[in-house]
Amino acid sequence: KIGSHGSEAIDEIKEFGSRILESPGKQGLNAFINTDLELILKENLIT
């Protein structure tokens, strides 16, 4: 649930700070739906 402790990244991930980019918006099973994941990958020429 938004704003809850449970929805937050685990502490181990938080420790990396901005090194890990977050692509929010996922509200279902597929990380490409309702997020900018594909755009980020394409902008960075990821294959």
ModelCIF file with pLDDT and N, C-alpha, C, O atoms, coordinates in Angstrom:
data_MODEL
#
_entry.id   MODEL 
#
_entity.id                         1 
_entity.type                       polymer 
_entity.pdbx_number_of_molecules   1 
#
_entity_poly.entity_id                      1 
_entity_poly.type                           'polypeptide(L)' 
_entity_poly.nstd_linkage                   no 
_entity_poly.nstd_monomer                   no 
_entity_poly.pdbx_seq_one_letter_code       KIGSHGSEAIDEIKEFGSRILESPGKQGLNAFINTDLELILKENLIT 
_entity_poly.pdbx_seq_one_letter_code_can   KIGSHGSEAIDEIKEFGSRILESPGKQGLNAFINTDLELILKENLIT 
_entity_poly.pdbx_strand_id                 A 
#
loop_
_entity_poly_seq.entity_id 
_entity_poly_seq.num 
_entity_poly_seq.mon_id 
_entity_poly_seq.hetero 
1 1  LYS n 
1 2  ILE n 
1 3  GLY n 
1 4  SER n 
1 5  HIS n 
1 6  GLY n 
1 7  SER n 
1 8  GLU n 
1 9  ALA n 
1 10 ILE n 
1 11 ASP n 
1 12 GLU n 
1 13 ILE n 
1 14 LYS n 
1 15 GLU n 
1 16 PHE n 
1 17 GLY n 
1 18 SER n 
1 19 ARG n 
1 20 ILE n 
1 21 LEU n 
1 22 GLU n 
1 23 SER n 
1 24 PRO n 
1 25 GLY n 
1 26 LYS n 
1 27 GLN n 
1 28 GLY n 
1 29 LEU n 
1 30 ASN n 
1 31 ALA n 
1 32 PHE n 
1 33 ILE n 
1 34 ASN n 
1 35 THR n 
1 36 ASP n 
1 37 LEU n 
1 38 GLU n 
1 39 LEU n 
1 40 ILE n 
1 41 LEU n 
1 42 LYS n 
1 43 GLU n 
1 44 ASN n 
1 45 LEU n 
1 46 ILE n 
1 47 THR n 
#
_struct_asym.id          A 
_struct_asym.entity_id   1 
#
loop_
_ma_qa_metric.id 
_ma_qa_metric.mode 
_ma_qa_metric.name 
_ma_qa_metric.software_group_id 
_ma_qa_metric.type 
1 global pLDDT . pLDDT 
2 local  pLDDT . pLDDT 
#
_ma_qa_metric_global.metric_id      1 
_ma_qa_metric_global.metric_value   95.81 
_ma_qa_metric_global.model_id       1 
_ma_qa_metric_global.ordinal_id     1 
#
loop_
_ma_qa_metric_local.label_asym_id 
_ma_qa_metric_local.label_comp_id 
_ma_qa_metric_local.label_seq_id 
_ma_qa_metric_local.metric_id 
_ma_qa_metric_local.metric_value 
_ma_qa_metric_local.model_id 
_ma_qa_metric_local.ordinal_id 
A LYS 1  2 96.00 1 1  
A ILE 2  2 95.00 1 2  
A GLY 3  2 94.00 1 3  
A SER 4  2 96.00 1 4  
A HIS 5  2 96.00 1 5  
A GLY 6  2 96.00 1 6  
A SER 7  2 96.00 1 7  
A GLU 8  2 97.00 1 8  
A ALA 9  2 97.00 1 9  
A ILE 10 2 96.00 1 10 
A ASP 11 2 96.00 1 11 
A GLU 12 2 96.00 1 12 
A ILE 13 2 96.00 1 13 
A LYS 14 2 96.00 1 14 
A GLU 15 2 95.00 1 15 
A PHE 16 2 95.00 1 16 
A GLY 17 2 95.00 1 17 
A SER 18 2 94.00 1 18 
A ARG 19 2 95.00 1 19 
A ILE 20 2 97.00 1 20 
A LEU 21 2 97.00 1 21 
A GLU 22 2 96.00 1 22 
A SER 23 2 96.00 1 23 
A PRO 24 2 94.00 1 24 
A GLY 25 2 93.00 1 25 
A LYS 26 2 94.00 1 26 
A GLN 27 2 91.00 1 27 
A GLY 28 2 90.00 1 28 
A LEU 29 2 94.00 1 29 
A ASN 30 2 97.00 1 30 
A ALA 31 2 97.00 1 31 
A PHE 32 2 97.00 1 32 
A ILE 33 2 95.00 1 33 
A ASN 34 2 95.00 1 34 
A THR 35 2 97.00 1 35 
A ASP 36 2 97.00 1 36 
A LEU 37 2 98.00 1 37 
A GLU 38 2 97.00 1 38 
A LEU 39 2 97.00 1 39 
A ILE 40 2 97.00 1 40 
A LEU 41 2 98.00 1 41 
A LYS 42 2 97.00 1 42 
A GLU 43 2 97.00 1 43 
A ASN 44 2 96.00 1 44 
A LEU 45 2 97.00 1 45 
A ILE 46 2 98.00 1 46 
A THR 47 2 97.00 1 47 
#
loop_
_atom_site.group_PDB 
_atom_site.id 
_atom_site.type_symbol 
_atom_site.label_atom_id 
_atom_site.label_alt_id 
_atom_site.label_comp_id 
_atom_site.label_asym_id 
_atom_site.label_entity_id 
_atom_site.label_seq_id 
_atom_site.pdbx_PDB_ins_code 
_atom_site.Cartn_x 
_atom_site.Cartn_y 
_atom_site.Cartn_z 
_atom_site.occupancy 
_atom_site.B_iso_or_equiv 
_atom_site.pdbx_formal_charge 
_atom_site.auth_seq_id 
_atom_site.auth_comp_id 
_atom_site.auth_asym_id 
_atom_site.auth_atom_id 
_atom_site.pdbx_PDB_model_num 
ATOM 1   N N  . LYS A 1 1  ? 0.844  -1.194 0.000   1.00 96.00 ? 1  LYS A N  1 
ATOM 2   C CA . LYS A 1 1  ? 0.000  0.000  0.000   1.00 96.00 ? 1  LYS A CA 1 
ATOM 3   C C  . LYS A 1 1  ? 0.886  1.254  0.000   1.00 96.00 ? 1  LYS A C  1 
ATOM 4   O O  . LYS A 1 1  ? 1.856  1.340  0.753   1.00 96.00 ? 1  LYS A O  1 
ATOM 5   N N  . ILE A 1 2  ? 0.543  2.204  -0.839  1.00 95.00 ? 2  ILE A N  1 
ATOM 6   C CA . ILE A 1 2  ? 1.326  3.430  -0.967  1.00 95.00 ? 2  ILE A CA 1 
ATOM 7   C C  . ILE A 1 2  ? 1.549  4.075  0.411   1.00 95.00 ? 2  ILE A C  1 
ATOM 8   O O  . ILE A 1 2  ? 0.632  4.173  1.226   1.00 95.00 ? 2  ILE A O  1 
ATOM 9   N N  . GLY A 1 3  ? 2.777  4.504  0.640   1.00 94.00 ? 3  GLY A N  1 
ATOM 10  C CA . GLY A 1 3  ? 3.121  5.166  1.890   1.00 94.00 ? 3  GLY A CA 1 
ATOM 11  C C  . GLY A 1 3  ? 3.371  4.227  3.056   1.00 94.00 ? 3  GLY A C  1 
ATOM 12  O O  . GLY A 1 3  ? 3.735  4.678  4.142   1.00 94.00 ? 3  GLY A O  1 
ATOM 13  N N  . SER A 1 4  ? 3.181  2.924  2.851   1.00 96.00 ? 4  SER A N  1 
ATOM 14  C CA . SER A 1 4  ? 3.392  1.966  3.942   1.00 96.00 ? 4  SER A CA 1 
ATOM 15  C C  . SER A 1 4  ? 4.841  1.494  3.975   1.00 96.00 ? 4  SER A C  1 
ATOM 16  O O  . SER A 1 4  ? 5.550  1.543  2.969   1.00 96.00 ? 4  SER A O  1 
ATOM 17  N N  . HIS A 1 5  ? 5.261  1.042  5.139   1.00 96.00 ? 5  HIS A N  1 
ATOM 18  C CA . HIS A 1 5  ? 6.598  0.464  5.287   1.00 96.00 ? 5  HIS A CA 1 
ATOM 19  C C  . HIS A 1 5  ? 6.759  -0.733 4.348   1.00 96.00 ? 5  HIS A C  1 
ATOM 20  O O  . HIS A 1 5  ? 7.831  -0.941 3.781   1.00 96.00 ? 5  HIS A O  1 
ATOM 21  N N  . GLY A 1 6  ? 5.701  -1.511 4.187   1.00 96.00 ? 6  GLY A N  1 
ATOM 22  C CA . GLY A 1 6  ? 5.759  -2.709 3.359   1.00 96.00 ? 6  GLY A CA 1 
ATOM 23  C C  . GLY A 1 6  ? 6.003  -2.441 1.894   1.00 96.00 ? 6  GLY A C  1 
ATOM 24  O O  . GLY A 1 6  ? 6.586  -3.278 1.206   1.00 96.00 ? 6  GLY A O  1 
ATOM 25  N N  . SER A 1 7  ? 5.574  -1.298 1.398   1.00 96.00 ? 7  SER A N  1 
ATOM 26  C CA . SER A 1 7  ? 5.753  -0.982 -0.025  1.00 96.00 ? 7  SER A CA 1 
ATOM 27  C C  . SER A 1 7  ? 7.150  -0.426 -0.321  1.00 96.00 ? 7  SER A C  1 
ATOM 28  O O  . SER A 1 7  ? 7.553  -0.346 -1.481  1.00 96.00 ? 7  SER A O  1 
ATOM 29  N N  . GLU A 1 8  ? 7.877  -0.047 0.709   1.00 97.00 ? 8  GLU A N  1 
ATOM 30  C CA . GLU A 1 8  ? 9.216  0.539  0.521   1.00 97.00 ? 8  GLU A CA 1 
ATOM 31  C C  . GLU A 1 8  ? 10.241 -0.520 0.142   1.00 97.00 ? 8  GLU A C  1 
ATOM 32  O O  . GLU A 1 8  ? 10.081 -1.701 0.449   1.00 97.00 ? 8  GLU A O  1 
ATOM 33  N N  . ALA A 1 9  ? 11.295 -0.073 -0.532  1.00 97.00 ? 9  ALA A N  1 
ATOM 34  C CA . ALA A 1 9  ? 12.418 -0.953 -0.854  1.00 97.00 ? 9  ALA A CA 1 
ATOM 35  C C  . ALA A 1 9  ? 13.051 -1.441 0.440   1.00 97.00 ? 9  ALA A C  1 
ATOM 36  O O  . ALA A 1 9  ? 13.067 -0.733 1.447   1.00 97.00 ? 9  ALA A O  1 
ATOM 37  N N  . ILE A 1 10 ? 13.570 -2.659 0.396   1.00 96.00 ? 10 ILE A N  1 
ATOM 38  C CA . ILE A 1 10 ? 14.268 -3.183 1.567   1.00 96.00 ? 10 ILE A CA 1 
ATOM 39  C C  . ILE A 1 10 ? 15.508 -2.332 1.841   1.00 96.00 ? 10 ILE A C  1 
ATOM 40  O O  . ILE A 1 10 ? 16.041 -1.693 0.934   1.00 96.00 ? 10 ILE A O  1 
ATOM 41  N N  . ASP A 1 11 ? 15.957 -2.329 3.081   1.00 96.00 ? 11 ASP A N  1 
ATOM 42  C CA . ASP A 1 11 ? 17.092 -1.496 3.480   1.00 96.00 ? 11 ASP A CA 1 
ATOM 43  C C  . ASP A 1 11 ? 18.331 -1.758 2.639   1.00 96.00 ? 11 ASP A C  1 
ATOM 44  O O  . ASP A 1 11 ? 19.074 -0.832 2.315   1.00 96.00 ? 11 ASP A O  1 
ATOM 45  N N  . GLU A 1 12 ? 18.555 -3.020 2.284   1.00 96.00 ? 12 GLU A N  1 
ATOM 46  C CA . GLU A 1 12 ? 19.742 -3.371 1.503   1.00 96.00 ? 12 GLU A CA 1 
ATOM 47  C C  . GLU A 1 12 ? 19.750 -2.652 0.155   1.00 96.00 ? 12 GLU A C  1 
ATOM 48  O O  . GLU A 1 12 ? 20.807 -2.251 -0.330  1.00 96.00 ? 12 GLU A O  1 
ATOM 49  N N  . ILE A 1 13 ? 18.580 -2.491 -0.444  1.00 96.00 ? 13 ILE A N  1 
ATOM 50  C CA . ILE A 1 13 ? 18.478 -1.773 -1.728  1.00 96.00 ? 13 ILE A CA 1 
ATOM 51  C C  . ILE A 1 13 ? 18.626 -0.275 -1.504  1.00 96.00 ? 13 ILE A C  1 
ATOM 52  O O  . ILE A 1 13 ? 19.289 0.411  -2.282  1.00 96.00 ? 13 ILE A O  1 
ATOM 53  N N  . LYS A 1 14 ? 18.010 0.230  -0.444  1.00 96.00 ? 14 LYS A N  1 
ATOM 54  C CA . LYS A 1 14 ? 18.093 1.675  -0.142  1.00 96.00 ? 14 LYS A CA 1 
ATOM 55  C C  . LYS A 1 14 ? 19.533 2.129  0.040   1.00 96.00 ? 14 LYS A C  1 
ATOM 56  O O  . LYS A 1 14 ? 19.873 3.264  -0.295  1.00 96.00 ? 14 LYS A O  1 
ATOM 57  N N  . GLU A 1 15 ? 20.383 1.250  0.569   1.00 95.00 ? 15 GLU A N  1 
ATOM 58  C CA . GLU A 1 15 ? 21.785 1.616  0.820   1.00 95.00 ? 15 GLU A CA 1 
ATOM 59  C C  . GLU A 1 15 ? 22.529 2.006  -0.452  1.00 95.00 ? 15 GLU A C  1 
ATOM 60  O O  . GLU A 1 15 ? 23.530 2.719  -0.382  1.00 95.00 ? 15 GLU A O  1 
ATOM 61  N N  . PHE A 1 16 ? 22.065 1.558  -1.597  1.00 95.00 ? 16 PHE A N  1 
ATOM 62  C CA . PHE A 1 16 ? 22.732 1.892  -2.856  1.00 95.00 ? 16 PHE A CA 1 
ATOM 63  C C  . PHE A 1 16 ? 22.324 3.273  -3.375  1.00 95.00 ? 16 PHE A C  1 
ATOM 64  O O  . PHE A 1 16 ? 22.914 3.782  -4.328  1.00 95.00 ? 16 PHE A O  1 
ATOM 65  N N  . GLY A 1 17 ? 21.317 3.873  -2.747  1.00 95.00 ? 17 GLY A N  1 
ATOM 66  C CA . GLY A 1 17 ? 20.900 5.225  -3.108  1.00 95.00 ? 17 GLY A CA 1 
ATOM 67  C C  . GLY A 1 17 ? 20.594 5.382  -4.581  1.00 95.00 ? 17 GLY A C  1 
ATOM 68  O O  . GLY A 1 17 ? 19.888 4.565  -5.171  1.00 95.00 ? 17 GLY A O  1 
ATOM 69  N N  . SER A 1 18 ? 21.135 6.448  -5.179  1.00 94.00 ? 18 SER A N  1 
ATOM 70  C CA . SER A 1 18 ? 20.818 6.773  -6.573  1.00 94.00 ? 18 SER A CA 1 
ATOM 71  C C  . SER A 1 18 ? 21.484 5.840  -7.578  1.00 94.00 ? 18 SER A C  1 
ATOM 72  O O  . SER A 1 18 ? 21.229 5.940  -8.778  1.00 94.00 ? 18 SER A O  1 
ATOM 73  N N  . ARG A 1 19 ? 22.319 4.950  -7.107  1.00 95.00 ? 19 ARG A N  1 
ATOM 74  C CA . ARG A 1 19 ? 22.935 3.981  -8.026  1.00 95.00 ? 19 ARG A CA 1 
ATOM 75  C C  . ARG A 1 19 ? 21.872 3.067  -8.642  1.00 95.00 ? 19 ARG A C  1 
ATOM 76  O O  . ARG A 1 19 ? 22.036 2.567  -9.755  1.00 95.00 ? 19 ARG A O  1 
ATOM 77  N N  . ILE A 1 20 ? 20.774 2.856  -7.896  1.00 97.00 ? 20 ILE A N  1 
ATOM 78  C CA . ILE A 1 20 ? 19.671 2.058  -8.414  1.00 97.00 ? 20 ILE A CA 1 
ATOM 79  C C  . ILE A 1 20 ? 18.540 3.004  -8.800  1.00 97.00 ? 20 ILE A C  1 
ATOM 80  O O  . ILE A 1 20 ? 17.987 3.706  -7.954  1.00 97.00 ? 20 ILE A O  1 
ATOM 81  N N  . LEU A 1 21 ? 18.208 3.014  -10.073 1.00 97.00 ? 21 LEU A N  1 
ATOM 82  C CA . LEU A 1 21 ? 17.145 3.853  -10.601 1.00 97.00 ? 21 LEU A CA 1 
ATOM 83  C C  . LEU A 1 21 ? 15.807 3.176  -10.311 1.00 97.00 ? 21 LEU A C  1 
ATOM 84  O O  . LEU A 1 21 ? 15.684 1.962  -10.472 1.00 97.00 ? 21 LEU A O  1 
ATOM 85  N N  . GLU A 1 22 ? 14.820 3.935  -9.893  1.00 96.00 ? 22 GLU A N  1 
ATOM 86  C CA . GLU A 1 22 ? 13.512 3.358  -9.639  1.00 96.00 ? 22 GLU A CA 1 
ATOM 87  C C  . GLU A 1 22 ? 12.554 3.717  -10.767 1.00 96.00 ? 22 GLU A C  1 
ATOM 88  O O  . GLU A 1 22 ? 12.470 4.871  -11.188 1.00 96.00 ? 22 GLU A O  1 
ATOM 89  N N  . SER A 1 23 ? 11.832 2.703  -11.248 1.00 96.00 ? 23 SER A N  1 
ATOM 90  C CA . SER A 1 23 ? 10.807 2.897  -12.265 1.00 96.00 ? 23 SER A CA 1 
ATOM 91  C C  . SER A 1 23 ? 9.457  2.565  -11.628 1.00 96.00 ? 23 SER A C  1 
ATOM 92  O O  . SER A 1 23 ? 9.018  1.415  -11.669 1.00 96.00 ? 23 SER A O  1 
ATOM 93  N N  . PRO A 1 24 ? 8.796  3.569  -11.039 1.00 94.00 ? 24 PRO A N  1 
ATOM 94  C CA . PRO A 1 24 ? 7.532  3.320  -10.332 1.00 94.00 ? 24 PRO A CA 1 
ATOM 95  C C  . PRO A 1 24 ? 6.358  3.141  -11.290 1.00 94.00 ? 24 PRO A C  1 
ATOM 96  O O  . PRO A 1 24 ? 6.478  3.359  -12.495 1.00 94.00 ? 24 PRO A O  1 
ATOM 97  N N  . GLY A 1 25 ? 5.230  2.741  -10.729 1.00 93.00 ? 25 GLY A N  1 
ATOM 98  C CA . GLY A 1 25 ? 4.001  2.640  -11.499 1.00 93.00 ? 25 GLY A CA 1 
ATOM 99  C C  . GLY A 1 25 ? 3.476  1.229  -11.652 1.00 93.00 ? 25 GLY A C  1 
ATOM 100 O O  . GLY A 1 25 ? 2.336  1.038  -12.073 1.00 93.00 ? 25 GLY A O  1 
ATOM 101 N N  . LYS A 1 26 ? 4.287  0.233  -11.316 1.00 94.00 ? 26 LYS A N  1 
ATOM 102 C CA . LYS A 1 26 ? 3.862  -1.164 -11.472 1.00 94.00 ? 26 LYS A CA 1 
ATOM 103 C C  . LYS A 1 26 ? 2.707  -1.456 -10.520 1.00 94.00 ? 26 LYS A C  1 
ATOM 104 O O  . LYS A 1 26 ? 2.827  -1.285 -9.307  1.00 94.00 ? 26 LYS A O  1 
ATOM 105 N N  . GLN A 1 27 ? 1.592  -1.898 -11.087 1.00 91.00 ? 27 GLN A N  1 
ATOM 106 C CA . GLN A 1 27 ? 0.418  -2.232 -10.286 1.00 91.00 ? 27 GLN A CA 1 
ATOM 107 C C  . GLN A 1 27 ? -0.141 -3.588 -10.679 1.00 91.00 ? 27 GLN A C  1 
ATOM 108 O O  . GLN A 1 27 ? -1.300 -3.901 -10.404 1.00 91.00 ? 27 GLN A O  1 
ATOM 109 N N  . GLY A 1 28 ? 0.681  -4.376 -11.315 1.00 90.00 ? 28 GLY A N  1 
ATOM 110 C CA . GLY A 1 28 ? 0.278  -5.703 -11.745 1.00 90.00 ? 28 GLY A CA 1 
ATOM 111 C C  . GLY A 1 28 ? 1.482  -6.601 -11.830 1.00 90.00 ? 28 GLY A C  1 
ATOM 112 O O  . GLY A 1 28 ? 2.483  -6.375 -11.151 1.00 90.00 ? 28 GLY A O  1 
ATOM 113 N N  . LEU A 1 29 ? 1.392  -7.626 -12.663 1.00 94.00 ? 29 LEU A N  1 
ATOM 114 C CA . LEU A 1 29 ? 2.430  -8.652 -12.705 1.00 94.00 ? 29 LEU A CA 1 
ATOM 115 C C  . LEU A 1 29 ? 3.619  -8.289 -13.594 1.00 94.00 ? 29 LEU A C  1 
ATOM 116 O O  . LEU A 1 29 ? 4.733  -8.749 -13.339 1.00 94.00 ? 29 LEU A O  1 
ATOM 117 N N  . ASN A 1 30 ? 3.413  -7.488 -14.611 1.00 97.00 ? 30 ASN A N  1 
ATOM 118 C CA . ASN A 1 30 ? 4.435  -7.204 -15.610 1.00 97.00 ? 30 ASN A CA 1 
ATOM 119 C C  . ASN A 1 30 ? 5.082  -5.841 -15.346 1.00 97.00 ? 30 ASN A C  1 
ATOM 120 O O  . ASN A 1 30 ? 4.387  -4.827 -15.304 1.00 97.00 ? 30 ASN A O  1 
ATOM 121 N N  . ALA A 1 31 ? 6.383  -5.811 -15.172 1.00 97.00 ? 31 ALA A N  1 
ATOM 122 C CA . ALA A 1 31 ? 7.095  -4.566 -14.846 1.00 97.00 ? 31 ALA A CA 1 
ATOM 123 C C  . ALA A 1 31 ? 7.128  -3.569 -16.003 1.00 97.00 ? 31 ALA A C  1 
ATOM 124 O O  . ALA A 1 31 ? 7.524  -2.419 -15.810 1.00 97.00 ? 31 ALA A O  1 
ATOM 125 N N  . PHE A 1 32 ? 6.722  -3.988 -17.195 1.00 97.00 ? 32 PHE A N  1 
ATOM 126 C CA . PHE A 1 32 ? 6.679  -3.058 -18.329 1.00 97.00 ? 32 PHE A CA 1 
ATOM 127 C C  . PHE A 1 32 ? 5.361  -2.286 -18.398 1.00 97.00 ? 32 PHE A C  1 
ATOM 128 O O  . PHE A 1 32 ? 5.283  -1.245 -19.051 1.00 97.00 ? 32 PHE A O  1 
ATOM 129 N N  . ILE A 1 33 ? 4.333  -2.790 -17.729 1.00 95.00 ? 33 ILE A N  1 
ATOM 130 C CA . ILE A 1 33 ? 3.015  -2.165 -17.805 1.00 95.00 ? 33 ILE A CA 1 
ATOM 131 C C  . ILE A 1 33 ? 2.907  -1.017 -16.800 1.00 95.00 ? 33 ILE A C  1 
ATOM 132 O O  . ILE A 1 33 ? 3.182  -1.192 -15.613 1.00 95.00 ? 33 ILE A O  1 
ATOM 133 N N  . ASN A 1 34 ? 2.504  0.154  -17.287 1.00 95.00 ? 34 ASN A N  1 
ATOM 134 C CA . ASN A 1 34 ? 2.268  1.338  -16.450 1.00 95.00 ? 34 ASN A CA 1 
ATOM 135 C C  . ASN A 1 34 ? 3.557  1.924  -15.854 1.00 95.00 ? 34 ASN A C  1 
ATOM 136 O O  . ASN A 1 34 ? 3.502  2.699  -14.899 1.00 95.00 ? 34 ASN A O  1 
ATOM 137 N N  . THR A 1 35 ? 4.716  1.554  -16.416 1.00 97.00 ? 35 THR A N  1 
ATOM 138 C CA . THR A 1 35 ? 5.993  2.114  -15.962 1.00 97.00 ? 35 THR A CA 1 
ATOM 139 C C  . THR A 1 35 ? 6.742  2.670  -17.169 1.00 97.00 ? 35 THR A C  1 
ATOM 140 O O  . THR A 1 35 ? 6.323  2.493  -18.312 1.00 97.00 ? 35 THR A O  1 
ATOM 141 N N  . ASP A 1 36 ? 7.850  3.343  -16.897 1.00 97.00 ? 36 ASP A N  1 
ATOM 142 C CA . ASP A 1 36 ? 8.694  3.839  -17.991 1.00 97.00 ? 36 ASP A CA 1 
ATOM 143 C C  . ASP A 1 36 ? 9.904  2.934  -18.208 1.00 97.00 ? 36 ASP A C  1 
ATOM 144 O O  . ASP A 1 36 ? 10.919 3.367  -18.753 1.00 97.00 ? 36 ASP A O  1 
ATOM 145 N N  . LEU A 1 37 ? 9.792  1.672  -17.777 1.00 98.00 ? 37 LEU A N  1 
ATOM 146 C CA . LEU A 1 37 ? 10.913 0.733  -17.879 1.00 98.00 ? 37 LEU A CA 1 
ATOM 147 C C  . LEU A 1 37 ? 11.426 0.595  -19.304 1.00 98.00 ? 37 LEU A C  1 
ATOM 148 O O  . LEU A 1 37 ? 12.630 0.706  -19.539 1.00 98.00 ? 37 LEU A O  1 
ATOM 149 N N  . GLU A 1 38 ? 10.537 0.356  -20.253 1.00 97.00 ? 38 GLU A N  1 
ATOM 150 C CA . GLU A 1 38 ? 10.975 0.176  -21.640 1.00 97.00 ? 38 GLU A CA 1 
ATOM 151 C C  . GLU A 1 38 ? 11.650 1.433  -22.176 1.00 97.00 ? 38 GLU A C  1 
ATOM 152 O O  . GLU A 1 38 ? 12.654 1.344  -22.883 1.00 97.00 ? 38 GLU A O  1 
ATOM 153 N N  . LEU A 1 39 ? 11.111 2.596  -21.847 1.00 97.00 ? 39 LEU A N  1 
ATOM 154 C CA . LEU A 1 39 ? 11.701 3.858  -22.288 1.00 97.00 ? 39 LEU A CA 1 
ATOM 155 C C  . LEU A 1 39 ? 13.116 4.021  -21.727 1.00 97.00 ? 39 LEU A C  1 
ATOM 156 O O  . LEU A 1 39 ? 14.030 4.409  -22.454 1.00 97.00 ? 39 LEU A O  1 
ATOM 157 N N  . ILE A 1 40 ? 13.296 3.727  -20.443 1.00 97.00 ? 40 ILE A N  1 
ATOM 158 C CA . ILE A 1 40 ? 14.620 3.835  -19.821 1.00 97.00 ? 40 ILE A CA 1 
ATOM 159 C C  . ILE A 1 40 ? 15.607 2.905  -20.523 1.00 97.00 ? 40 ILE A C  1 
ATOM 160 O O  . ILE A 1 40 ? 16.737 3.297  -20.814 1.00 97.00 ? 40 ILE A O  1 
ATOM 161 N N  . LEU A 1 41 ? 15.179 1.678  -20.792 1.00 98.00 ? 41 LEU A N  1 
ATOM 162 C CA . LEU A 1 41 ? 16.059 0.713  -21.451 1.00 98.00 ? 41 LEU A CA 1 
ATOM 163 C C  . LEU A 1 41 ? 16.447 1.191  -22.847 1.00 98.00 ? 41 LEU A C  1 
ATOM 164 O O  . LEU A 1 41 ? 17.614 1.114  -23.232 1.00 98.00 ? 41 LEU A O  1 
ATOM 165 N N  . LYS A 1 42 ? 15.474 1.681  -23.596 1.00 97.00 ? 42 LYS A N  1 
ATOM 166 C CA . LYS A 1 42 ? 15.754 2.139  -24.963 1.00 97.00 ? 42 LYS A CA 1 
ATOM 167 C C  . LYS A 1 42 ? 16.633 3.379  -24.967 1.00 97.00 ? 42 LYS A C  1 
ATOM 168 O O  . LYS A 1 42 ? 17.545 3.484  -25.788 1.00 97.00 ? 42 LYS A O  1 
ATOM 169 N N  . GLU A 1 43 ? 16.373 4.328  -24.054 1.00 97.00 ? 43 GLU A N  1 
ATOM 170 C CA . GLU A 1 43 ? 17.199 5.539  -23.973 1.00 97.00 ? 43 GLU A CA 1 
ATOM 171 C C  . GLU A 1 43 ? 18.656 5.212  -23.656 1.00 97.00 ? 43 GLU A C  1 
ATOM 172 O O  . GLU A 1 43 ? 19.563 5.944  -24.054 1.00 97.00 ? 43 GLU A O  1 
ATOM 173 N N  . ASN A 1 44 ? 18.874 4.122  -22.946 1.00 96.00 ? 44 ASN A N  1 
ATOM 174 C CA . ASN A 1 44 ? 20.227 3.713  -22.572 1.00 96.00 ? 44 ASN A CA 1 
ATOM 175 C C  . ASN A 1 44 ? 20.808 2.660  -23.522 1.00 96.00 ? 44 ASN A C  1 
ATOM 176 O O  . ASN A 1 44 ? 21.854 2.074  -23.243 1.00 96.00 ? 44 ASN A O  1 
ATOM 177 N N  . LEU A 1 45 ? 20.121 2.428  -24.643 1.00 97.00 ? 45 LEU A N  1 
ATOM 178 C CA . LEU A 1 45 ? 20.562 1.490  -25.680 1.00 97.00 ? 45 LEU A CA 1 
ATOM 179 C C  . LEU A 1 45 ? 20.783 0.073  -25.138 1.00 97.00 ? 45 LEU A C  1 
ATOM 180 O O  . LEU A 1 45 ? 21.696 -0.636 -25.562 1.00 97.00 ? 45 LEU A O  1 
ATOM 181 N N  . ILE A 1 46 ? 19.934 -0.313 -24.202 1.00 98.00 ? 46 ILE A N  1 
ATOM 182 C CA . ILE A 1 46 ? 20.034 -1.636 -23.585 1.00 98.00 ? 46 ILE A CA 1 
ATOM 183 C C  . ILE A 1 46 ? 19.407 -2.678 -24.507 1.00 98.00 ? 46 ILE A C  1 
ATOM 184 O O  . ILE A 1 46 ? 18.310 -2.474 -25.027 1.00 98.00 ? 46 ILE A O  1 
ATOM 185 N N  . THR A 1 47 ? 20.098 -3.782 -24.706 1.00 97.00 ? 47 THR A N  1 
ATOM 186 C CA . THR A 1 47 ? 19.571 -4.886 -25.509 1.00 97.00 ? 47 THR A CA 1 
ATOM 187 C C  . THR A 1 47 ? 19.465 -6.175 -24.685 1.00 97.00 ? 47 THR A C  1 
ATOM 188 O O  . THR A 1 47 ? 19.040 -7.207 -25.205 1.00 97.00 ? 47 THR A O  1 
#
